[in-house]
Amino acid sequence: QVQLAESGGGLVQAGGSLGLSCVASVRTLDRYIMSWFRQAPGKERQFVGGISWNPGSVWYADSVKGRFTISKDLAKNMMYLQMTDLRPEDTAIYYCAAGGRWSHQILTTRDSFDFWGPGTQVTVSS
């Protein structure tokens, strides 16, 4: 069973930066596609970005491309989301997720991911 937990959320002013972390159970990041999603109040959960289990493949939603960066550290079982140039519309609960074990596909839909963390709140003030 894969277990995930996010940390690092908080309040930041528009234009600022914030980093999120996701700790995963052992033998997760080297075999599952990992992703970040976010959900704002009253809205659907939205894909933010993903990173493959094999090195080198990262993909992002257009709304965050160029501002957000996903990375991972296999030795620490950690995935990261570095967010810069934050905007009020980035305000949401951010979730990390795992799915697509050994898959080579670019996964972006919510139902592609089987395991989810509880989420961490990010609030961007204007």
N, C-alpha and C. Protein backbone atom coordinates (compact mmCIF):
# COMPACT_ATOMS: atom_id res chain seq x y z
N GLN A 1 0.85 -1.18 0.00
CA GLN A 1 0.00 0.00 0.00
C GLN A 1 0.89 1.25 0.00
N VAL A 2 0.63 2.15 -0.95
CA VAL A 2 1.38 3.39 -1.05
C VAL A 2 0.79 4.43 -0.10
N GLN A 3 1.67 5.06 0.65
CA GLN A 3 1.23 6.14 1.54
C GLN A 3 1.96 7.42 1.16
N LEU A 4 1.22 8.52 1.15
CA LEU A 4 1.75 9.81 0.74
C LEU A 4 1.34 10.86 1.77
N ALA A 5 2.20 11.86 1.96
CA ALA A 5 1.85 12.96 2.86
C ALA A 5 2.55 14.23 2.40
N GLU A 6 1.77 15.28 2.21
CA GLU A 6 2.29 16.57 1.78
C GLU A 6 2.64 17.45 2.97
N SER A 7 3.54 18.39 2.72
CA SER A 7 3.87 19.42 3.71
C SER A 7 4.38 20.65 3.01
N GLY A 8 4.41 21.77 3.74
CA GLY A 8 4.99 22.99 3.20
C GLY A 8 4.01 24.05 2.78
N GLY A 9 2.73 23.78 2.90
CA GLY A 9 1.75 24.80 2.51
C GLY A 9 1.78 25.99 3.45
N GLY A 10 1.10 27.05 3.04
CA GLY A 10 1.05 28.25 3.87
C GLY A 10 0.49 29.42 3.13
N LEU A 11 0.69 30.60 3.72
CA LEU A 11 0.20 31.84 3.14
C LEU A 11 1.38 32.60 2.54
N VAL A 12 1.20 33.09 1.33
CA VAL A 12 2.26 33.82 0.64
C VAL A 12 1.62 34.95 -0.17
N GLN A 13 2.37 36.02 -0.34
CA GLN A 13 1.85 37.13 -1.14
C GLN A 13 2.02 36.85 -2.62
N ALA A 14 1.18 37.46 -3.42
CA ALA A 14 1.28 37.32 -4.87
C ALA A 14 2.68 37.73 -5.34
N GLY A 15 3.21 36.93 -6.24
CA GLY A 15 4.56 37.16 -6.72
C GLY A 15 5.62 36.42 -5.94
N GLY A 16 5.23 35.85 -4.82
CA GLY A 16 6.17 35.14 -3.97
C GLY A 16 6.36 33.69 -4.39
N SER A 17 7.15 32.99 -3.59
CA SER A 17 7.49 31.59 -3.87
C SER A 17 7.19 30.72 -2.66
N LEU A 18 6.95 29.45 -2.95
CA LEU A 18 6.67 28.48 -1.89
C LEU A 18 7.05 27.11 -2.39
N GLY A 19 7.58 26.27 -1.49
CA GLY A 19 7.92 24.91 -1.86
C GLY A 19 7.10 23.91 -1.08
N LEU A 20 6.60 22.92 -1.77
CA LEU A 20 5.85 21.83 -1.15
C LEU A 20 6.67 20.55 -1.23
N SER A 21 6.46 19.67 -0.27
CA SER A 21 7.11 18.36 -0.26
C SER A 21 6.06 17.28 -0.14
N CYS A 22 6.39 16.12 -0.68
CA CYS A 22 5.53 14.94 -0.55
C CYS A 22 6.43 13.76 -0.20
N VAL A 23 6.20 13.20 0.99
CA VAL A 23 6.96 12.00 1.38
C VAL A 23 6.14 10.78 0.99
N ALA A 24 6.81 9.82 0.38
CA ALA A 24 6.14 8.62 -0.09
C ALA A 24 6.71 7.40 0.61
N SER A 25 5.92 6.37 0.66
CA SER A 25 6.42 5.12 1.22
C SER A 25 7.50 4.56 0.30
N VAL A 26 8.32 3.70 0.87
CA VAL A 26 9.47 3.16 0.15
C VAL A 26 9.01 2.43 -1.11
N ARG A 27 9.85 2.49 -2.14
CA ARG A 27 9.58 1.81 -3.41
C ARG A 27 8.32 2.34 -4.08
N THR A 28 8.15 3.65 -4.03
CA THR A 28 7.04 4.29 -4.72
C THR A 28 7.56 5.15 -5.87
N LEU A 29 8.48 6.06 -5.58
CA LEU A 29 8.93 7.01 -6.59
C LEU A 29 9.71 6.35 -7.73
N ASP A 30 10.24 5.15 -7.49
CA ASP A 30 11.02 4.49 -8.54
C ASP A 30 10.18 3.54 -9.38
N ARG A 31 8.87 3.53 -9.17
CA ARG A 31 8.02 2.63 -9.96
C ARG A 31 6.64 3.21 -10.29
N TYR A 32 6.27 4.32 -9.65
CA TYR A 32 5.00 4.95 -9.96
C TYR A 32 5.20 6.32 -10.60
N ILE A 33 4.27 6.70 -11.45
CA ILE A 33 4.19 8.09 -11.89
C ILE A 33 3.64 8.90 -10.71
N MET A 34 4.30 9.99 -10.40
CA MET A 34 3.90 10.86 -9.31
C MET A 34 3.35 12.17 -9.89
N SER A 35 2.43 12.75 -9.16
CA SER A 35 1.86 13.99 -9.68
C SER A 35 1.45 14.91 -8.55
N TRP A 36 1.22 16.17 -8.93
CA TRP A 36 0.61 17.15 -8.05
C TRP A 36 -0.72 17.57 -8.67
N PHE A 37 -1.74 17.63 -7.86
CA PHE A 37 -3.04 18.18 -8.23
C PHE A 37 -3.38 19.29 -7.24
N ARG A 38 -4.35 20.08 -7.59
CA ARG A 38 -4.84 21.10 -6.65
C ARG A 38 -6.34 21.25 -6.80
N GLN A 39 -6.99 21.69 -5.72
CA GLN A 39 -8.43 21.88 -5.73
C GLN A 39 -8.78 23.14 -4.98
N ALA A 40 -9.36 24.09 -5.70
CA ALA A 40 -9.83 25.33 -5.11
C ALA A 40 -11.27 25.15 -4.66
N PRO A 41 -11.73 25.94 -3.71
CA PRO A 41 -13.11 25.80 -3.21
C PRO A 41 -14.13 25.88 -4.34
N GLY A 42 -15.01 24.91 -4.39
CA GLY A 42 -16.07 24.89 -5.38
C GLY A 42 -15.64 24.49 -6.77
N LYS A 43 -14.40 24.05 -6.92
CA LYS A 43 -13.90 23.68 -8.24
C LYS A 43 -13.45 22.22 -8.26
N GLU A 44 -13.30 21.71 -9.49
CA GLU A 44 -12.82 20.35 -9.66
C GLU A 44 -11.32 20.27 -9.31
N ARG A 45 -10.89 19.07 -8.92
CA ARG A 45 -9.48 18.85 -8.69
C ARG A 45 -8.75 18.93 -10.04
N GLN A 46 -7.68 19.70 -10.05
CA GLN A 46 -7.02 20.07 -11.30
C GLN A 46 -5.58 19.55 -11.32
N PHE A 47 -5.17 18.98 -12.45
CA PHE A 47 -3.80 18.51 -12.61
C PHE A 47 -2.85 19.69 -12.63
N VAL A 48 -1.72 19.56 -11.92
CA VAL A 48 -0.69 20.60 -11.89
C VAL A 48 0.54 20.15 -12.67
N GLY A 49 1.02 18.94 -12.36
CA GLY A 49 2.20 18.43 -13.04
C GLY A 49 2.49 17.01 -12.62
N GLY A 50 3.34 16.33 -13.40
CA GLY A 50 3.67 14.96 -13.11
C GLY A 50 5.13 14.67 -13.39
N ILE A 51 5.62 13.57 -12.81
CA ILE A 51 7.01 13.16 -13.02
C ILE A 51 7.03 11.64 -13.12
N SER A 52 7.76 11.14 -14.09
CA SER A 52 7.75 9.71 -14.33
C SER A 52 8.63 8.99 -13.32
N TRP A 53 8.45 7.67 -13.26
CA TRP A 53 9.26 6.85 -12.36
C TRP A 53 10.69 6.72 -12.87
N ASN A 54 10.86 6.84 -14.19
CA ASN A 54 12.22 6.80 -14.75
C ASN A 54 12.72 8.22 -14.92
N PRO A 55 14.02 8.42 -14.85
CA PRO A 55 14.54 9.80 -14.83
C PRO A 55 14.23 10.58 -16.09
N GLY A 56 13.97 11.88 -15.92
CA GLY A 56 13.98 12.78 -17.06
C GLY A 56 12.66 13.26 -17.58
N SER A 57 11.55 12.64 -17.23
CA SER A 57 10.27 13.06 -17.80
C SER A 57 9.44 13.80 -16.77
N VAL A 58 9.16 15.05 -17.08
CA VAL A 58 8.31 15.89 -16.23
C VAL A 58 7.37 16.65 -17.15
N TRP A 59 6.13 16.82 -16.73
CA TRP A 59 5.17 17.54 -17.56
C TRP A 59 4.27 18.38 -16.66
N TYR A 60 3.73 19.47 -17.24
CA TYR A 60 3.00 20.46 -16.44
C TYR A 60 1.71 20.90 -17.14
N ALA A 61 0.78 21.34 -16.35
CA ALA A 61 -0.39 22.02 -16.89
C ALA A 61 0.05 23.38 -17.44
N ASP A 62 -0.62 23.83 -18.47
CA ASP A 62 -0.25 25.11 -19.09
C ASP A 62 -0.31 26.27 -18.09
N SER A 63 -1.22 26.18 -17.15
CA SER A 63 -1.42 27.28 -16.20
C SER A 63 -0.24 27.50 -15.27
N VAL A 64 0.63 26.49 -15.14
CA VAL A 64 1.76 26.62 -14.21
C VAL A 64 3.11 26.49 -14.91
N LYS A 65 3.08 26.19 -16.19
CA LYS A 65 4.33 25.97 -16.93
C LYS A 65 5.20 27.22 -16.87
N GLY A 66 6.47 27.02 -16.53
CA GLY A 66 7.39 28.14 -16.41
C GLY A 66 7.44 28.76 -15.03
N ARG A 67 6.49 28.41 -14.18
CA ARG A 67 6.45 28.95 -12.81
C ARG A 67 6.67 27.87 -11.76
N PHE A 68 6.20 26.66 -12.05
CA PHE A 68 6.31 25.56 -11.09
C PHE A 68 7.32 24.54 -11.59
N THR A 69 8.02 23.91 -10.63
CA THR A 69 9.00 22.88 -10.98
C THR A 69 8.82 21.68 -10.07
N ILE A 70 8.73 20.51 -10.69
CA ILE A 70 8.60 19.26 -9.94
C ILE A 70 9.94 18.53 -9.99
N SER A 71 10.32 17.97 -8.86
CA SER A 71 11.53 17.16 -8.78
C SER A 71 11.31 16.08 -7.74
N LYS A 72 12.25 15.14 -7.69
CA LYS A 72 12.15 14.09 -6.69
C LYS A 72 13.53 13.65 -6.24
N ASP A 73 13.57 13.08 -5.06
CA ASP A 73 14.80 12.55 -4.48
C ASP A 73 14.52 11.11 -4.06
N LEU A 74 15.02 10.17 -4.84
CA LEU A 74 14.72 8.77 -4.57
C LEU A 74 15.28 8.32 -3.23
N ALA A 75 16.45 8.81 -2.88
CA ALA A 75 17.09 8.38 -1.63
C ALA A 75 16.27 8.79 -0.41
N LYS A 76 15.54 9.91 -0.54
CA LYS A 76 14.74 10.41 0.57
C LYS A 76 13.27 10.06 0.43
N ASN A 77 12.91 9.39 -0.67
CA ASN A 77 11.49 9.08 -0.94
C ASN A 77 10.64 10.35 -0.95
N MET A 78 11.17 11.41 -1.54
CA MET A 78 10.51 12.70 -1.52
C MET A 78 10.27 13.22 -2.93
N MET A 79 9.13 13.86 -3.12
CA MET A 79 8.84 14.61 -4.33
C MET A 79 8.59 16.06 -3.91
N TYR A 80 8.99 16.98 -4.79
CA TYR A 80 8.89 18.39 -4.45
C TYR A 80 8.12 19.16 -5.52
N LEU A 81 7.51 20.25 -5.08
CA LEU A 81 6.88 21.20 -6.00
C LEU A 81 7.35 22.59 -5.60
N GLN A 82 8.21 23.17 -6.43
CA GLN A 82 8.68 24.52 -6.19
C GLN A 82 7.83 25.47 -7.02
N MET A 83 7.20 26.41 -6.33
CA MET A 83 6.26 27.33 -6.98
C MET A 83 6.80 28.75 -6.90
N THR A 84 6.88 29.41 -8.02
CA THR A 84 7.34 30.80 -8.07
C THR A 84 6.29 31.65 -8.76
N ASP A 85 6.44 32.97 -8.62
CA ASP A 85 5.51 33.92 -9.23
C ASP A 85 4.06 33.53 -8.93
N LEU A 86 3.80 33.26 -7.68
CA LEU A 86 2.47 32.79 -7.30
C LEU A 86 1.41 33.85 -7.49
N ARG A 87 0.22 33.40 -7.84
CA ARG A 87 -0.92 34.27 -8.13
C ARG A 87 -2.08 33.88 -7.24
N PRO A 88 -3.00 34.80 -6.98
CA PRO A 88 -4.18 34.45 -6.16
C PRO A 88 -4.93 33.23 -6.70
N GLU A 89 -4.95 33.05 -8.00
CA GLU A 89 -5.66 31.90 -8.57
C GLU A 89 -4.94 30.57 -8.33
N ASP A 90 -3.73 30.61 -7.77
CA ASP A 90 -3.05 29.38 -7.37
C ASP A 90 -3.51 28.90 -6.00
N THR A 91 -4.33 29.68 -5.33
CA THR A 91 -4.85 29.29 -4.03
C THR A 91 -5.68 28.02 -4.14
N ALA A 92 -5.31 27.01 -3.35
CA ALA A 92 -5.99 25.72 -3.42
C ALA A 92 -5.39 24.79 -2.36
N ILE A 93 -6.03 23.66 -2.21
CA ILE A 93 -5.40 22.56 -1.49
C ILE A 93 -4.60 21.77 -2.53
N TYR A 94 -3.34 21.51 -2.20
CA TYR A 94 -2.46 20.80 -3.12
C TYR A 94 -2.27 19.37 -2.64
N TYR A 95 -2.42 18.43 -3.58
CA TYR A 95 -2.32 17.01 -3.28
C TYR A 95 -1.21 16.37 -4.10
N CYS A 96 -0.49 15.44 -3.50
CA CYS A 96 0.38 14.59 -4.31
C CYS A 96 -0.34 13.25 -4.52
N ALA A 97 -0.02 12.61 -5.62
CA ALA A 97 -0.69 11.38 -5.99
C ALA A 97 0.29 10.46 -6.70
N ALA A 98 0.00 9.16 -6.64
CA ALA A 98 0.80 8.14 -7.31
C ALA A 98 -0.11 7.24 -8.11
N GLY A 99 0.36 6.83 -9.30
CA GLY A 99 -0.41 5.94 -10.13
C GLY A 99 0.42 5.46 -11.30
N GLY A 100 -0.20 4.68 -12.18
CA GLY A 100 0.48 4.25 -13.39
C GLY A 100 1.75 3.49 -13.14
N ARG A 101 1.70 2.47 -12.26
CA ARG A 101 2.89 1.71 -11.92
C ARG A 101 3.57 1.15 -13.17
N TRP A 102 4.84 1.51 -13.33
CA TRP A 102 5.67 1.10 -14.47
C TRP A 102 5.17 1.64 -15.82
N SER A 103 4.20 2.55 -15.80
CA SER A 103 3.66 3.07 -17.05
C SER A 103 4.61 4.07 -17.70
N HIS A 104 4.57 4.12 -19.05
CA HIS A 104 5.34 5.12 -19.81
C HIS A 104 4.42 6.21 -20.37
N GLN A 105 3.17 6.21 -19.94
CA GLN A 105 2.23 7.20 -20.44
C GLN A 105 2.37 8.52 -19.69
N ILE A 106 1.91 9.58 -20.34
CA ILE A 106 1.81 10.88 -19.69
C ILE A 106 0.44 10.97 -19.05
N LEU A 107 0.37 10.80 -17.76
CA LEU A 107 -0.92 10.76 -17.07
C LEU A 107 -1.24 12.15 -16.52
N THR A 108 -2.51 12.58 -16.73
CA THR A 108 -2.92 13.89 -16.25
C THR A 108 -4.31 13.91 -15.63
N THR A 109 -5.02 12.80 -15.70
CA THR A 109 -6.39 12.79 -15.19
C THR A 109 -6.44 12.23 -13.78
N ARG A 110 -7.42 12.70 -13.04
CA ARG A 110 -7.55 12.31 -11.63
C ARG A 110 -7.70 10.81 -11.48
N ASP A 111 -8.47 10.18 -12.37
CA ASP A 111 -8.73 8.75 -12.21
C ASP A 111 -7.56 7.87 -12.63
N SER A 112 -6.48 8.48 -13.11
CA SER A 112 -5.27 7.71 -13.44
C SER A 112 -4.43 7.43 -12.21
N PHE A 113 -4.73 8.11 -11.10
CA PHE A 113 -3.91 8.00 -9.90
C PHE A 113 -4.69 7.31 -8.79
N ASP A 114 -4.04 6.31 -8.19
CA ASP A 114 -4.71 5.44 -7.24
C ASP A 114 -4.51 5.85 -5.79
N PHE A 115 -3.42 6.53 -5.52
CA PHE A 115 -3.05 6.84 -4.14
C PHE A 115 -2.88 8.34 -3.98
N TRP A 116 -3.40 8.87 -2.86
CA TRP A 116 -3.44 10.32 -2.64
C TRP A 116 -3.01 10.66 -1.23
N GLY A 117 -2.34 11.79 -1.10
CA GLY A 117 -2.07 12.33 0.22
C GLY A 117 -3.28 13.13 0.70
N PRO A 118 -3.26 13.56 1.96
CA PRO A 118 -4.40 14.31 2.52
C PRO A 118 -4.47 15.76 2.06
N GLY A 119 -3.38 16.28 1.49
CA GLY A 119 -3.39 17.64 0.97
C GLY A 119 -2.80 18.66 1.92
N THR A 120 -2.36 19.78 1.35
CA THR A 120 -1.83 20.90 2.13
C THR A 120 -2.34 22.19 1.50
N GLN A 121 -2.74 23.14 2.34
CA GLN A 121 -3.36 24.37 1.85
C GLN A 121 -2.30 25.38 1.44
N VAL A 122 -2.50 25.96 0.26
CA VAL A 122 -1.68 27.07 -0.21
C VAL A 122 -2.62 28.25 -0.46
N THR A 123 -2.32 29.37 0.17
CA THR A 123 -3.13 30.57 0.00
C THR A 123 -2.22 31.70 -0.48
N VAL A 124 -2.62 32.31 -1.59
CA VAL A 124 -1.87 33.41 -2.17
C VAL A 124 -2.71 34.67 -2.05
N SER A 125 -2.19 35.64 -1.32
CA SER A 125 -2.93 36.89 -1.12
C SER A 125 -2.53 37.92 -2.16
N SER A 126 -3.49 38.73 -2.53
CA SER A 126 -3.23 39.74 -3.58
C SER A 126 -2.72 41.05 -2.99
